[in-house]
Amino acid sequence: MSAGGRRGGPKVALTEGAVRVAWGERRLVIVSAPQPPNVQDPADFLVDMDELLNWGPPHESVEISVDELQAIMRAIEAEFDRLGLAVEFE
């Protein structure tokens, strides 16, 4: 799991078929989106940005801010890079 926290940023953990994000008391589980057909070199994980609107329970009524979203994306990219995996955001 990458370093982070509320002040330091989100913590990211890769699990089977999902990315788990923790930032302070808030949590988010991101499931890989289906790869488009006929992709030559598919990413290991595809994030559907349209799914990243609100935090997960019990904070599902709290929207993810643009700044938080950017920090989450950077943390996910860093974790995938660290593991030698490819991630794409759509």
Protein backbone atom coordinates (compact mmCIF):
# COMPACT_ATOMS: atom_id res chain seq x y z
CA MET A 1 0.00 0.00 0.00
CA SER A 2 1.36 3.39 -0.92
CA ALA A 3 2.05 5.98 1.74
CA GLY A 4 -0.47 8.72 2.38
CA GLY A 5 -3.20 9.71 4.76
CA ARG A 6 -5.48 12.72 5.04
CA ARG A 7 -2.62 15.21 5.04
CA GLY A 8 -0.16 13.22 2.94
CA GLY A 9 -2.65 12.07 0.36
CA PRO A 10 -4.54 8.91 -0.44
CA LYS A 11 -3.32 5.41 0.32
CA VAL A 12 -3.74 2.97 -2.56
CA ALA A 13 -3.86 -0.84 -2.45
CA LEU A 14 -4.30 -3.16 -5.40
CA THR A 15 -6.45 -6.22 -4.88
CA GLU A 16 -7.82 -8.85 -7.25
CA GLY A 17 -9.73 -6.78 -9.83
CA ALA A 18 -9.98 -3.59 -7.76
CA VAL A 19 -8.08 -0.62 -6.44
CA ARG A 20 -8.82 0.38 -2.86
CA VAL A 21 -8.26 4.00 -1.88
CA ALA A 22 -8.18 5.22 1.72
CA TRP A 23 -7.89 8.89 2.60
CA GLY A 24 -8.44 9.66 6.24
CA GLU A 25 -11.77 8.07 7.15
CA ARG A 26 -12.99 7.99 3.55
CA ARG A 27 -12.80 4.89 1.37
CA LEU A 28 -13.23 4.19 -2.32
CA VAL A 29 -13.23 0.90 -4.21
CA ILE A 30 -12.56 1.18 -7.93
CA VAL A 31 -13.35 -1.85 -10.09
CA SER A 32 -11.57 -2.18 -13.42
CA ALA A 33 -13.72 -1.15 -16.37
CA PRO A 34 -14.00 -3.52 -19.33
CA GLN A 35 -11.30 -3.05 -21.95
CA PRO A 36 -12.53 -1.71 -25.29
CA PRO A 37 -12.63 -4.36 -28.04
CA ASN A 38 -9.65 -4.83 -30.34
CA VAL A 39 -7.15 -3.01 -28.11
CA GLN A 40 -3.60 -3.81 -29.24
CA ASP A 41 -1.90 -3.35 -25.87
CA PRO A 42 -4.52 -3.28 -23.10
CA ALA A 43 -3.73 -1.72 -19.74
CA ASP A 44 -3.61 -3.94 -16.67
CA PHE A 45 -6.37 -1.80 -15.16
CA LEU A 46 -8.82 0.66 -16.71
CA VAL A 47 -10.40 3.34 -14.50
CA ASP A 48 -13.76 4.74 -15.64
CA MET A 49 -13.56 8.34 -14.45
CA ASP A 50 -17.36 8.68 -14.64
CA GLU A 51 -17.57 6.25 -11.71
CA LEU A 52 -15.45 8.44 -9.42
CA LEU A 53 -18.06 10.90 -8.22
CA ASN A 54 -18.58 10.13 -4.51
CA TRP A 55 -16.70 8.42 -1.72
CA GLY A 56 -17.79 4.95 -0.64
CA PRO A 57 -19.95 4.12 2.38
CA PRO A 58 -20.46 5.55 4.91
CA HIS A 59 -19.45 8.75 3.06
CA GLU A 60 -21.37 8.12 -0.17
CA SER A 61 -23.09 11.51 0.07
CA VAL A 62 -19.70 13.28 -0.05
CA GLU A 63 -18.52 14.23 -3.52
CA ILE A 64 -14.90 13.68 -4.48
CA SER A 65 -13.43 17.12 -5.18
CA VAL A 66 -11.35 17.85 -8.27
CA ASP A 67 -8.23 18.23 -6.11
CA GLU A 68 -8.94 14.92 -4.38
CA LEU A 69 -9.55 13.22 -7.73
CA GLN A 70 -6.24 14.48 -9.09
CA ALA A 71 -4.42 13.26 -5.97
CA ILE A 72 -6.15 9.86 -6.22
CA MET A 73 -5.13 9.53 -9.87
CA ARG A 74 -1.50 10.41 -9.06
CA ALA A 75 -1.44 7.89 -6.20
CA ILE A 76 -2.92 5.15 -8.40
CA GLU A 77 -0.40 5.87 -11.17
CA ALA A 78 2.47 5.80 -8.67
CA GLU A 79 1.36 2.47 -7.22
CA PHE A 80 0.95 0.88 -10.65
CA ASP A 81 4.35 2.24 -11.73
CA ARG A 82 5.93 0.86 -8.56
CA LEU A 83 4.52 -2.58 -9.42
CA GLY A 84 5.44 -2.38 -13.11
CA LEU A 85 1.79 -2.39 -14.19
CA ALA A 86 -0.12 -0.17 -16.64
CA VAL A 87 -3.20 1.85 -15.69
CA GLU A 88 -5.36 4.01 -17.95
CA PHE A 89 -8.01 6.56 -17.06
CA GLU A 90 -11.03 7.06 -19.32
